C-alpha cells in the first residue's frame, strides 16, 4: 500500500513537469531565441520533478526485485515469484531506458545553450545596427531641414541671432543623438549580460541533470 502511494507521487511529479513545461511551447515562435531560452530555462528549473519521479520508481522496483530474489533463493519453484521477478526486470529495464533517454536529452539541451547564445548575440547586434542607423537617419533628416532653413535665412539677410540659434539647435540634436546611442548601447550590453548569465546557469544545470540521469541509468 505504501509503495503504491509513492508510485502515485512519482507519476504526479512527472505529470506536474509536463503541465508546467508544455504551455511554454505555445504559441510556436521557433525563430526567436527568447522562445528557446524560456523553454530550456523552465525545463532545467523543473528537472527536479523528473529526478524525484525517476528515482522513486527505480528505488521501489529495485527494492522489490531484491526482495523477490531473496524469496526465490528460499523457494525457487514458486511460479508467482518467478513471474514477479520477470515483471520487475521489465520495469527496471524501462526505468534504465527512461534514465538514458533523459541523460541524452539533457546532454543535447546543454550543448545547444552556447548555440542559442551565439544566435541571440548576433540578433542583438543586428538589431543594434538597425536602431543606430535609425537614430542617425533621424538626426540627418532634422539636420538637413535646419541647414536648409539657415541657408534660406542667410539669403534673406535675416537676424544673425536666429541663425545662431538654428546652428545651436543642430549641436543640441547631435548631443541628443549621441546620448540616445550611448543609452541604447548600455541597455543592449546589459541585456546581453543578463542573457549570458541565464545561458551559463542553464549550462551548469544541464550538466548537473545529465550527470544525475546518467547515474540513475548506471544503477
Protein backbone atom coordinates (compact mmCIF):
# COMPACT_ATOMS: atom_id res chain seq x y z
CA UNK A 1 0.00 0.00 0.00
CA UNK A 2 2.78 2.43 0.94
CA UNK A 3 4.70 1.63 -2.23
CA UNK A 4 1.64 2.28 -4.40
CA UNK A 5 1.31 5.71 -2.81
CA UNK A 6 4.94 6.51 -3.57
CA UNK A 7 4.46 5.36 -7.16
CA UNK A 8 1.42 7.63 -7.37
CA UNK A 9 3.59 10.51 -6.13
CA UNK A 10 6.19 9.66 -8.80
CA UNK A 11 3.55 9.77 -11.55
CA UNK A 12 2.15 13.01 -10.15
CA UNK A 13 5.60 14.65 -10.18
CA UNK A 14 6.11 13.59 -13.80
CA UNK A 15 2.67 14.97 -14.71
CA UNK A 16 3.48 18.24 -12.92
CA UNK A 17 6.67 18.54 -15.04
CA UNK A 18 4.64 18.10 -18.23
CA UNK A 19 1.92 20.56 -17.12
CA UNK A 20 4.49 23.25 -16.25
CA UNK A 21 6.53 22.93 -19.45
CA UNK A 22 4.02 22.20 -22.23
CA UNK A 23 2.34 25.67 -22.21
CA UNK A 24 5.71 27.30 -22.97
CA UNK A 25 5.73 25.68 -26.42
CA UNK A 26 2.60 27.59 -27.48
CA UNK A 27 2.42 29.78 -29.49
CA UNK A 28 5.23 28.44 -31.67
CA UNK A 29 7.94 31.02 -32.30
CA UNK A 30 10.85 28.91 -33.47
CA UNK A 31 12.85 31.80 -34.94
CA UNK A 32 13.04 33.70 -31.65
CA UNK A 33 15.94 32.89 -29.30
CA UNK A 34 13.85 34.15 -26.37
CA UNK A 35 11.36 31.35 -27.13
CA UNK A 36 14.07 28.67 -26.75
CA UNK A 37 15.63 30.36 -23.72
CA UNK A 38 12.27 30.32 -21.94
CA UNK A 39 11.65 26.65 -22.83
CA UNK A 40 15.06 25.38 -21.74
CA UNK A 41 15.20 27.56 -18.62
CA UNK A 42 11.84 26.22 -17.45
CA UNK A 43 12.86 22.63 -18.23
CA UNK A 44 16.12 22.96 -16.29
CA UNK A 45 14.33 24.66 -13.38
CA UNK A 46 11.71 21.91 -13.10
CA UNK A 47 14.01 18.94 -13.79
CA UNK A 48 13.97 18.16 -10.05
CA UNK A 49 10.45 16.82 -10.60
CA UNK A 50 11.80 14.35 -13.18
CA UNK A 51 14.69 13.31 -10.94
CA UNK A 52 12.39 12.61 -8.00
CA UNK A 53 9.86 10.80 -10.19
CA UNK A 54 12.52 8.57 -11.79
CA UNK A 55 14.32 7.95 -8.50
CA UNK A 56 11.17 6.88 -6.65
CA UNK A 57 10.15 4.48 -9.41
CA UNK A 58 13.59 2.93 -9.75
CA UNK A 59 14.13 2.63 -5.99
CA UNK A 60 10.84 0.80 -5.45
CA UNK A 61 11.38 -1.55 -8.40
CA UNK A 62 14.95 -2.39 -7.32
CA UNK A 63 13.84 -2.89 -3.74
CA UNK A 64 11.08 -5.27 -4.83
CA UNK A 65 13.49 -7.07 -7.14
CA UNK A 66 15.97 -7.71 -4.30
CA UNK A 67 13.14 -8.83 -2.03
CA UNK A 68 11.81 -11.29 -4.60
CA UNK A 69 15.31 -12.58 -5.34
CA UNK A 70 15.69 -13.38 -1.65
CA UNK A 71 12.36 -15.18 -1.72
CA UNK A 72 13.42 -17.04 -4.87
CA UNK A 73 16.54 -18.41 -3.18
CA UNK A 74 14.32 -19.88 -0.48
CA UNK A 75 11.56 -21.09 -2.82
CA UNK A 76 12.89 -21.43 -6.38
CA UNK A 77 9.89 -23.44 -7.54
CA UNK A 78 7.33 -20.74 -6.74
CA UNK A 79 5.90 -19.59 -10.11
CA UNK A 80 4.41 -16.42 -8.64
CA UNK A 81 7.84 -15.26 -7.51
CA UNK A 82 9.33 -16.07 -10.93
CA UNK A 83 6.57 -14.07 -12.65
CA UNK A 84 7.06 -11.11 -10.31
CA UNK A 85 10.80 -11.17 -10.97
CA UNK A 86 10.12 -11.16 -14.73
CA UNK A 87 7.72 -8.21 -14.39
CA UNK A 88 10.17 -6.28 -12.20
CA UNK A 89 13.03 -6.94 -14.63
CA UNK A 90 10.91 -5.40 -17.40
CA UNK A 91 10.12 -2.37 -15.22
CA UNK A 92 13.79 -1.92 -14.27
CA UNK A 93 14.81 -2.09 -17.95
CA UNK A 94 12.16 0.53 -18.75
CA UNK A 95 13.47 2.72 -15.91
CA UNK A 96 17.01 2.43 -17.29
CA UNK A 97 15.82 3.32 -20.79
CA UNK A 98 13.97 6.37 -19.46
CA UNK A 99 17.03 7.49 -17.49
CA UNK A 100 19.26 7.06 -20.55
CA UNK A 101 16.85 8.99 -22.79
CA UNK A 102 16.70 11.80 -20.23
CA UNK A 103 20.51 11.75 -19.94
CA UNK A 104 20.81 12.19 -23.73
CA UNK A 105 18.08 14.87 -23.74
CA UNK A 106 19.78 16.99 -21.07
CA UNK A 107 23.19 16.46 -22.66
CA UNK A 108 21.92 17.70 -26.04
CA UNK A 109 20.00 20.54 -24.37
CA UNK A 110 23.19 21.64 -22.62
CA UNK A 111 25.18 21.58 -25.87
CA UNK A 112 22.50 23.72 -27.53
CA UNK A 113 22.86 26.55 -24.99
CA UNK A 114 26.05 28.13 -26.47
CA UNK A 115 24.45 27.98 -29.93
CA UNK A 116 21.37 29.80 -28.62
CA UNK A 117 23.65 32.41 -27.02
CA UNK A 118 25.52 32.98 -30.30
CA UNK A 119 22.26 33.40 -32.22
CA UNK A 120 20.95 35.79 -29.57
CA UNK A 121 24.11 37.91 -29.66
CA UNK A 122 24.05 38.03 -33.48
CA UNK A 123 20.40 39.04 -33.45
CA UNK A 124 21.10 41.67 -30.81
CA UNK A 125 23.99 43.09 -32.86
CA UNK A 126 21.81 43.23 -35.97
CA UNK A 127 19.07 44.98 -34.01
CA UNK A 128 21.65 47.43 -32.61
CA UNK A 129 22.83 48.28 -36.11
CA UNK A 130 19.26 48.96 -37.26
CA UNK A 131 18.48 51.14 -34.23
CA UNK A 132 21.67 53.20 -34.57
CA UNK A 133 21.06 53.65 -38.30
CA UNK A 134 17.53 54.82 -37.49
CA UNK A 135 18.80 57.32 -34.89
CA UNK A 136 21.46 58.65 -37.29
CA UNK A 137 18.95 58.84 -40.15
CA UNK A 138 16.51 60.82 -38.00
CA UNK A 139 19.33 63.16 -36.94
CA UNK A 140 20.45 63.68 -40.55
CA UNK A 141 16.93 64.50 -41.68
CA UNK A 142 16.45 67.08 -38.94
CA UNK A 143 19.92 68.48 -39.53
CA UNK A 144 19.29 68.85 -43.26
CA UNK A 145 15.98 70.61 -42.61
CA UNK A 146 17.63 73.07 -40.24
CA UNK A 147 20.52 73.68 -42.65
CA UNK A 148 18.04 74.43 -45.42
CA UNK A 149 16.30 76.95 -43.19
CA UNK A 150 19.67 78.53 -42.30
CA UNK A 151 20.58 78.73 -45.99
CA UNK A 152 17.28 80.41 -46.81
CA UNK A 153 17.59 82.88 -43.96
CA UNK A 154 21.15 83.79 -44.95
CA UNK A 155 19.92 84.67 -48.44
CA UNK A 156 17.19 86.81 -46.94
CA UNK A 157 19.75 88.55 -44.69
CA UNK A 158 17.75 87.94 -41.52
CA UNK A 159 18.84 88.42 -37.94
CA UNK A 160 22.09 86.52 -37.27
CA UNK A 161 20.87 85.69 -33.78
CA UNK A 162 18.19 83.47 -35.25
CA UNK A 163 20.73 81.80 -37.48
CA UNK A 164 22.97 81.10 -34.47
CA UNK A 165 20.01 79.61 -32.63
CA UNK A 166 19.38 77.27 -35.52
CA UNK A 167 23.06 76.32 -35.62
CA UNK A 168 22.97 75.66 -31.86
CA UNK A 169 19.90 73.50 -32.36
CA UNK A 170 21.99 71.30 -34.68
CA UNK A 171 24.56 70.90 -31.89
CA UNK A 172 21.77 70.08 -29.45
CA UNK A 173 20.39 67.46 -31.82
CA UNK A 174 23.89 65.99 -32.16
CA UNK A 175 24.22 65.79 -28.37
CA UNK A 176 20.78 64.16 -28.06
CA UNK A 177 21.71 61.66 -30.77
CA UNK A 178 24.97 60.76 -29.01
CA UNK A 179 23.17 60.43 -25.69
CA UNK A 180 20.47 58.18 -27.18
CA UNK A 181 23.10 55.95 -28.80
CA UNK A 182 25.05 55.76 -25.54
CA UNK A 183 21.92 54.83 -23.55
CA UNK A 184 20.95 52.24 -26.13
CA UNK A 185 24.42 50.66 -26.01
CA UNK A 186 24.25 50.50 -22.22
CA UNK A 187 20.81 48.90 -22.32
CA UNK A 188 21.83 46.46 -25.03
CA UNK A 189 25.02 45.48 -23.18
CA UNK A 190 23.01 44.91 -20.01
CA UNK A 191 20.55 42.68 -21.88
CA UNK A 192 23.42 40.66 -23.39
CA UNK A 193 24.92 40.23 -19.93
CA UNK A 194 21.60 39.07 -18.45
CA UNK A 195 21.05 36.56 -21.27
CA UNK A 196 24.62 35.30 -20.87
CA UNK A 197 24.01 34.73 -17.15
CA UNK A 198 20.87 32.73 -17.91
CA UNK A 199 22.67 30.63 -20.55
CA UNK A 200 25.65 29.93 -18.26
CA UNK A 201 23.24 28.97 -15.48
CA UNK A 202 21.38 26.65 -17.89
CA UNK A 203 24.66 25.02 -18.95
CA UNK A 204 25.60 24.30 -15.34
CA UNK A 205 22.14 22.92 -14.55
CA UNK A 206 22.11 20.92 -17.79
CA UNK A 207 25.43 19.25 -16.95
CA UNK A 208 24.16 18.54 -13.44
CA UNK A 209 20.91 16.93 -14.60
CA UNK A 210 22.66 14.95 -17.34
CA UNK A 211 25.06 13.57 -14.73
CA UNK A 212 22.19 12.70 -12.35
CA UNK A 213 20.28 10.78 -15.01
CA UNK A 214 23.45 9.01 -16.11
CA UNK A 215 23.95 7.85 -12.52
CA UNK A 216 20.32 6.67 -12.38
CA UNK A 217 20.88 4.81 -15.64
CA UNK A 218 24.03 3.13 -14.35
CA UNK A 219 22.40 1.90 -11.11
